[in-house]
C-alpha cells in the first residue's frame, strides 16, 4: 500500500551511519545517496532520510512514527540494540505488544532527531 517513507534529519552523515547499522538487521541497505538525501531498501529505496539543516527535534508527543517489518524477533532485538549503541533513545524495548488482531513482537526507538521508528514482526499462525 505505501511505496516509501521519508524523514527529516539535521546531520545527514551522522544519520546515514546510524541508519546503516539500525536498518541492517531488517534487511535494508543504503542504495542511493546525494548531498541532501539517502535512500535505504532491499531492491529500491523504501526509507529515505532527507537533510534539513535547521530541523528542530521532533516533539515526543507528535504521535507520528514509522514502522518497518522485521523478519524475526532477533532482528527486532538487533535493530533496537544498534540504535541505542549509536546514540538513539529507547522508546519501547523489544517485546510482545497487544494489538487488535494479533500479538506482534516489536521495539520503538528515537533517532538523534527524535524521529520515532518501530521494528515489528508478526507471529505465524500455528499450522
N, C-alpha and C. Protein backbone atom coordinates (compact mmCIF):
# COMPACT_ATOMS: atom_id res chain seq x y z
N UNK A 1 0.81 -1.18 0.00
CA UNK A 1 0.00 0.00 0.00
C UNK A 1 0.86 1.26 0.00
N UNK A 2 1.84 1.36 0.90
CA UNK A 2 2.72 2.52 0.92
C UNK A 2 4.01 2.13 0.20
N UNK A 3 4.44 2.98 -0.71
CA UNK A 3 5.63 2.69 -1.51
C UNK A 3 6.92 3.04 -0.77
N UNK A 4 6.96 4.20 -0.13
CA UNK A 4 8.16 4.61 0.60
C UNK A 4 7.79 5.69 1.61
N UNK A 5 8.71 5.93 2.56
CA UNK A 5 8.55 7.00 3.55
C UNK A 5 9.84 7.80 3.61
N UNK A 6 9.71 9.05 4.02
CA UNK A 6 10.85 9.94 4.19
C UNK A 6 10.78 10.60 5.55
N UNK A 7 11.94 10.77 6.17
CA UNK A 7 12.03 11.52 7.42
C UNK A 7 13.10 12.57 7.27
N UNK A 8 13.00 13.62 8.05
CA UNK A 8 13.97 14.70 8.03
C UNK A 8 15.03 14.48 9.11
N UNK A 9 16.27 14.83 8.78
CA UNK A 9 17.39 14.73 9.72
C UNK A 9 18.24 15.99 9.63
N UNK A 10 18.87 16.37 10.73
CA UNK A 10 19.69 17.58 10.77
C UNK A 10 21.12 17.34 10.31
N UNK A 11 21.63 16.13 10.48
CA UNK A 11 23.01 15.79 10.11
C UNK A 11 22.97 14.53 9.25
N UNK A 12 23.09 14.72 7.94
CA UNK A 12 22.92 13.60 7.02
C UNK A 12 23.99 12.53 7.21
N UNK A 13 25.23 12.91 7.38
CA UNK A 13 26.32 11.93 7.53
C UNK A 13 26.12 11.09 8.80
N UNK A 14 25.84 11.74 9.92
CA UNK A 14 25.62 11.02 11.17
C UNK A 14 24.40 10.11 11.07
N UNK A 15 23.33 10.63 10.50
CA UNK A 15 22.10 9.84 10.39
C UNK A 15 22.25 8.67 9.42
N UNK A 16 22.99 8.87 8.35
CA UNK A 16 23.21 7.77 7.39
C UNK A 16 23.98 6.63 8.06
N UNK A 17 24.99 6.96 8.84
CA UNK A 17 25.74 5.92 9.57
C UNK A 17 24.85 5.23 10.59
N UNK A 18 24.02 6.00 11.29
CA UNK A 18 23.07 5.45 12.26
C UNK A 18 22.14 4.46 11.56
N UNK A 19 21.53 4.88 10.47
CA UNK A 19 20.56 4.02 9.79
C UNK A 19 21.22 2.86 9.04
N UNK A 20 22.46 3.00 8.62
CA UNK A 20 23.18 1.84 8.06
C UNK A 20 23.13 0.68 9.06
N UNK A 21 23.45 0.98 10.31
CA UNK A 21 23.51 -0.07 11.35
C UNK A 21 22.13 -0.50 11.84
N UNK A 22 21.22 0.46 12.01
CA UNK A 22 19.90 0.15 12.56
C UNK A 22 19.04 -0.63 11.57
N UNK A 23 19.16 -0.31 10.30
CA UNK A 23 18.31 -0.97 9.30
C UNK A 23 18.88 -2.29 8.80
N UNK A 24 20.17 -2.53 9.01
CA UNK A 24 20.79 -3.78 8.52
C UNK A 24 20.08 -5.03 9.04
N UNK A 25 19.71 -5.13 10.33
CA UNK A 25 19.01 -6.33 10.79
C UNK A 25 17.66 -6.55 10.10
N UNK A 26 17.10 -5.49 9.52
CA UNK A 26 15.81 -5.59 8.85
C UNK A 26 15.98 -5.91 7.36
N UNK A 27 17.23 -6.04 6.92
CA UNK A 27 17.49 -6.36 5.52
C UNK A 27 17.52 -5.16 4.60
N UNK A 28 17.57 -3.95 5.16
CA UNK A 28 17.61 -2.74 4.36
C UNK A 28 19.04 -2.21 4.31
N UNK A 29 19.50 -1.83 3.13
CA UNK A 29 20.83 -1.27 2.96
C UNK A 29 20.75 0.05 2.21
N UNK A 30 21.83 0.80 2.28
CA UNK A 30 21.92 2.07 1.57
C UNK A 30 22.01 1.78 0.07
N UNK A 31 21.04 2.31 -0.69
CA UNK A 31 21.00 2.05 -2.13
C UNK A 31 21.36 3.26 -2.97
N UNK A 32 21.10 4.45 -2.46
CA UNK A 32 21.38 5.66 -3.22
C UNK A 32 21.62 6.81 -2.26
N UNK A 33 22.41 7.77 -2.69
CA UNK A 33 22.67 8.94 -1.84
C UNK A 33 23.09 10.13 -2.67
N UNK A 34 22.85 11.30 -2.10
CA UNK A 34 23.30 12.55 -2.68
C UNK A 34 23.72 13.45 -1.52
N UNK A 35 23.96 14.72 -1.80
CA UNK A 35 24.36 15.65 -0.75
C UNK A 35 23.22 15.95 0.22
N UNK A 36 21.98 15.64 -0.16
CA UNK A 36 20.83 16.03 0.66
C UNK A 36 19.89 14.88 1.02
N UNK A 37 20.16 13.67 0.55
CA UNK A 37 19.27 12.55 0.89
C UNK A 37 19.99 11.22 0.73
N UNK A 38 19.49 10.23 1.48
CA UNK A 38 19.98 8.85 1.37
C UNK A 38 18.76 7.95 1.35
N UNK A 39 18.78 6.98 0.43
CA UNK A 39 17.68 6.03 0.32
C UNK A 39 18.12 4.63 0.69
N UNK A 40 17.33 3.96 1.55
CA UNK A 40 17.60 2.60 2.00
C UNK A 40 16.48 1.68 1.51
N UNK A 41 16.83 0.44 1.25
CA UNK A 41 15.80 -0.51 0.86
C UNK A 41 16.39 -1.88 0.63
N UNK A 42 15.56 -2.75 0.06
CA UNK A 42 16.01 -4.10 -0.30
C UNK A 42 16.35 -4.16 -1.78
N UNK A 43 15.45 -3.70 -2.64
CA UNK A 43 15.72 -3.66 -4.07
C UNK A 43 15.55 -2.27 -4.65
N UNK A 44 14.84 -1.41 -3.94
CA UNK A 44 14.69 0.00 -4.32
C UNK A 44 14.52 0.80 -3.03
N UNK A 45 14.77 2.11 -3.06
CA UNK A 45 14.67 2.90 -1.83
C UNK A 45 13.24 2.95 -1.28
N UNK A 46 13.07 2.43 -0.08
CA UNK A 46 11.77 2.40 0.60
C UNK A 46 11.76 3.35 1.80
N UNK A 47 12.94 3.65 2.34
CA UNK A 47 13.08 4.50 3.51
C UNK A 47 14.12 5.57 3.20
N UNK A 48 13.71 6.82 3.23
CA UNK A 48 14.59 7.93 2.87
C UNK A 48 14.86 8.80 4.09
N UNK A 49 16.08 9.31 4.19
CA UNK A 49 16.39 10.38 5.13
C UNK A 49 16.76 11.60 4.30
N UNK A 50 16.21 12.74 4.67
CA UNK A 50 16.40 13.98 3.92
C UNK A 50 16.99 15.05 4.83
N UNK A 51 18.03 15.70 4.36
CA UNK A 51 18.71 16.73 5.14
C UNK A 51 17.85 17.97 5.29
N UNK A 52 17.68 18.40 6.53
CA UNK A 52 17.03 19.66 6.88
C UNK A 52 17.89 20.27 7.97
N UNK A 53 18.87 21.09 7.55
CA UNK A 53 19.88 21.61 8.48
C UNK A 53 19.30 22.34 9.69
N UNK A 54 18.19 23.03 9.52
CA UNK A 54 17.60 23.81 10.62
C UNK A 54 16.50 23.05 11.34
N UNK A 55 16.51 21.74 11.25
CA UNK A 55 15.46 20.92 11.84
C UNK A 55 15.46 21.02 13.36
N UNK A 56 14.31 21.31 13.92
CA UNK A 56 14.14 21.25 15.37
C UNK A 56 13.85 19.80 15.73
N UNK A 57 14.28 19.34 16.90
CA UNK A 57 13.97 17.95 17.29
C UNK A 57 12.46 17.69 17.23
N UNK A 58 12.10 16.51 16.81
CA UNK A 58 10.69 16.12 16.72
C UNK A 58 10.11 16.05 18.13
N UNK A 59 8.94 16.63 18.31
CA UNK A 59 8.28 16.61 19.61
C UNK A 59 7.91 15.18 20.00
N UNK A 60 8.14 14.82 21.26
CA UNK A 60 7.86 13.45 21.70
C UNK A 60 6.37 13.12 21.65
N UNK A 61 5.52 14.14 21.62
CA UNK A 61 4.09 13.89 21.58
C UNK A 61 3.49 14.10 20.19
N UNK A 62 4.33 14.02 19.15
CA UNK A 62 3.84 14.26 17.79
C UNK A 62 2.85 13.18 17.34
N UNK A 63 2.97 11.99 17.92
CA UNK A 63 2.08 10.90 17.53
C UNK A 63 2.49 10.21 16.25
N UNK A 64 3.50 10.70 15.59
CA UNK A 64 3.94 10.15 14.30
C UNK A 64 5.06 9.14 14.51
N UNK A 65 4.96 8.02 13.81
CA UNK A 65 6.08 7.08 13.79
C UNK A 65 6.04 6.28 12.50
N UNK A 66 7.18 5.69 12.18
CA UNK A 66 7.31 4.83 11.00
C UNK A 66 7.58 3.42 11.52
N UNK A 67 6.83 2.46 11.01
CA UNK A 67 7.01 1.07 11.42
C UNK A 67 7.56 0.26 10.24
N UNK A 68 8.63 -0.45 10.49
CA UNK A 68 9.28 -1.27 9.46
C UNK A 68 9.17 -2.74 9.84
N UNK A 69 8.94 -3.59 8.88
CA UNK A 69 8.76 -5.02 9.12
C UNK A 69 10.12 -5.68 9.31
N UNK A 70 10.21 -6.48 10.35
CA UNK A 70 11.42 -7.26 10.65
C UNK A 70 11.16 -8.72 10.28
N UNK A 71 12.19 -9.45 9.88
CA UNK A 71 11.98 -10.85 9.51
C UNK A 71 11.70 -11.77 10.70
N UNK A 72 12.20 -11.38 11.90
CA UNK A 72 12.01 -12.24 13.07
C UNK A 72 12.32 -11.44 14.33
N UNK A 73 12.13 -12.09 15.48
CA UNK A 73 12.36 -11.43 16.77
C UNK A 73 13.81 -10.98 16.94
N UNK A 74 14.75 -11.81 16.52
CA UNK A 74 16.16 -11.46 16.66
C UNK A 74 16.48 -10.17 15.93
N UNK A 75 15.90 -9.97 14.76
CA UNK A 75 16.13 -8.74 14.01
C UNK A 75 15.60 -7.53 14.76
N UNK A 76 14.47 -7.68 15.43
CA UNK A 76 13.91 -6.58 16.23
C UNK A 76 14.88 -6.23 17.36
N UNK A 77 15.39 -7.23 18.03
CA UNK A 77 16.33 -7.02 19.13
C UNK A 77 17.60 -6.34 18.63
N UNK A 78 18.13 -6.80 17.49
CA UNK A 78 19.36 -6.21 16.94
C UNK A 78 19.14 -4.77 16.46
N UNK A 79 17.97 -4.49 15.88
CA UNK A 79 17.58 -3.13 15.47
C UNK A 79 17.64 -2.20 16.68
N UNK A 80 17.01 -2.60 17.76
CA UNK A 80 16.93 -1.80 18.98
C UNK A 80 18.33 -1.60 19.59
N UNK A 81 19.09 -2.67 19.68
CA UNK A 81 20.44 -2.58 20.27
C UNK A 81 21.35 -1.66 19.45
N UNK A 82 21.27 -1.75 18.12
CA UNK A 82 22.10 -0.89 17.27
C UNK A 82 21.74 0.58 17.48
N UNK A 83 20.46 0.87 17.59
CA UNK A 83 20.03 2.26 17.81
C UNK A 83 20.59 2.81 19.12
N UNK A 84 20.49 2.04 20.18
CA UNK A 84 20.98 2.50 21.48
C UNK A 84 22.49 2.66 21.47
N UNK A 85 23.19 1.74 20.81
CA UNK A 85 24.65 1.80 20.73
C UNK A 85 25.12 3.05 20.00
N UNK A 86 24.31 3.55 19.05
CA UNK A 86 24.73 4.68 18.22
C UNK A 86 24.08 6.01 18.60
N UNK A 87 23.55 6.09 19.82
CA UNK A 87 23.05 7.37 20.31
C UNK A 87 21.55 7.56 20.20
N UNK A 88 20.83 6.58 19.69
CA UNK A 88 19.38 6.66 19.67
C UNK A 88 18.82 6.42 21.06
N UNK A 89 17.55 6.69 21.23
CA UNK A 89 16.91 6.52 22.54
C UNK A 89 15.88 5.39 22.48
N UNK A 90 15.77 4.70 23.59
CA UNK A 90 14.75 3.66 23.74
C UNK A 90 13.39 4.33 23.87
N UNK A 91 12.43 3.88 23.08
CA UNK A 91 11.07 4.40 23.18
C UNK A 91 10.08 3.25 23.29
N UNK A 92 10.60 2.08 23.67
CA UNK A 92 9.79 0.87 23.81
C UNK A 92 10.67 -0.34 23.55
N UNK A 93 11.14 -0.97 24.61
CA UNK A 93 12.07 -2.10 24.48
C UNK A 93 11.44 -3.26 23.71
N UNK A 94 12.27 -4.13 23.13
CA UNK A 94 11.74 -5.28 22.41
C UNK A 94 10.82 -6.12 23.29
N UNK A 95 9.68 -6.49 22.73
CA UNK A 95 8.74 -7.32 23.45
C UNK A 95 7.43 -7.48 22.71
N UNK A 96 6.58 -8.32 23.25
CA UNK A 96 5.26 -8.52 22.66
C UNK A 96 4.37 -7.33 23.00
N UNK A 97 3.51 -6.99 22.06
CA UNK A 97 2.57 -5.89 22.25
C UNK A 97 1.19 -6.38 21.83
N UNK A 98 0.22 -6.05 22.62
CA UNK A 98 -1.14 -6.45 22.29
C UNK A 98 -1.68 -5.53 21.20
N UNK A 99 -2.13 -6.11 20.12
CA UNK A 99 -2.73 -5.36 19.02
C UNK A 99 -4.16 -5.83 18.83
N UNK A 100 -4.84 -5.24 17.91
CA UNK A 100 -6.24 -5.56 17.68
C UNK A 100 -6.44 -6.99 17.21
N UNK A 101 -5.60 -7.45 16.29
CA UNK A 101 -5.81 -8.75 15.66
C UNK A 101 -4.83 -9.81 16.12
N UNK A 102 -3.63 -9.42 16.46
CA UNK A 102 -2.58 -10.38 16.81
C UNK A 102 -1.68 -9.78 17.89
N UNK A 103 -0.67 -10.51 18.29
CA UNK A 103 0.29 -10.02 19.26
C UNK A 103 1.66 -9.95 18.59
N UNK A 104 2.01 -8.80 18.04
CA UNK A 104 3.31 -8.67 17.38
C UNK A 104 4.44 -8.53 18.39
N UNK A 105 5.66 -8.73 17.91
CA UNK A 105 6.87 -8.52 18.70
C UNK A 105 7.56 -7.32 18.07
N UNK A 106 7.76 -6.27 18.85
CA UNK A 106 8.33 -5.06 18.28
C UNK A 106 9.15 -4.27 19.25
N UNK A 107 9.76 -3.21 18.74
CA UNK A 107 10.55 -2.28 19.54
C UNK A 107 10.46 -0.91 18.90
N UNK A 108 10.51 0.12 19.73
CA UNK A 108 10.49 1.51 19.28
C UNK A 108 11.80 2.19 19.68
N UNK A 109 12.32 3.00 18.77
CA UNK A 109 13.50 3.82 19.08
C UNK A 109 13.21 5.25 18.62
N UNK A 110 14.03 6.17 19.10
CA UNK A 110 14.05 7.53 18.57
C UNK A 110 15.47 7.78 18.08
N UNK A 111 15.55 8.31 16.87
CA UNK A 111 16.88 8.63 16.35
C UNK A 111 17.38 9.93 16.97
N UNK A 112 18.52 10.42 16.53
CA UNK A 112 19.13 11.61 17.13
C UNK A 112 18.31 12.87 16.91
N UNK A 113 17.37 12.85 15.97
CA UNK A 113 16.49 13.99 15.72
C UNK A 113 15.12 13.83 16.37
N UNK A 114 14.91 12.72 17.04
CA UNK A 114 13.64 12.48 17.71
C UNK A 114 12.62 11.72 16.87
N UNK A 115 12.99 11.33 15.65
CA UNK A 115 12.08 10.53 14.82
C UNK A 115 11.82 9.20 15.50
N UNK A 116 10.56 8.80 15.57
CA UNK A 116 10.18 7.55 16.24
C UNK A 116 10.06 6.45 15.19
N UNK A 117 10.89 5.43 15.32
CA UNK A 117 10.94 4.33 14.36
C UNK A 117 10.67 3.03 15.11
N UNK A 118 9.82 2.19 14.54
CA UNK A 118 9.47 0.90 15.13
C UNK A 118 9.91 -0.21 14.18
N UNK A 119 10.32 -1.31 14.76
CA UNK A 119 10.54 -2.55 14.00
C UNK A 119 9.60 -3.59 14.59
N UNK A 120 8.93 -4.36 13.74
CA UNK A 120 7.95 -5.31 14.23
C UNK A 120 7.96 -6.59 13.38
N UNK A 121 7.69 -7.69 14.04
CA UNK A 121 7.48 -8.95 13.34
C UNK A 121 6.20 -9.56 13.90
N UNK A 122 5.48 -10.27 13.07
CA UNK A 122 4.20 -10.85 13.47
C UNK A 122 4.34 -12.35 13.59
N UNK A 123 3.74 -12.92 14.64
CA UNK A 123 3.84 -14.37 14.80
C UNK A 123 3.10 -15.08 13.68
N UNK A 124 3.59 -16.24 13.36
CA UNK A 124 2.90 -17.05 12.35
C UNK A 124 1.82 -17.86 13.03
N UNK A 125 0.74 -18.01 12.34
CA UNK A 125 -0.35 -18.81 12.89
C UNK A 125 0.07 -20.28 12.91
N UNK A 126 -0.31 -21.01 13.95
CA UNK A 126 0.04 -22.44 14.01
C UNK A 126 -0.55 -23.17 12.82
N UNK A 127 0.20 -24.15 12.33
CA UNK A 127 -0.25 -24.91 11.17
C UNK A 127 -1.12 -26.06 11.62
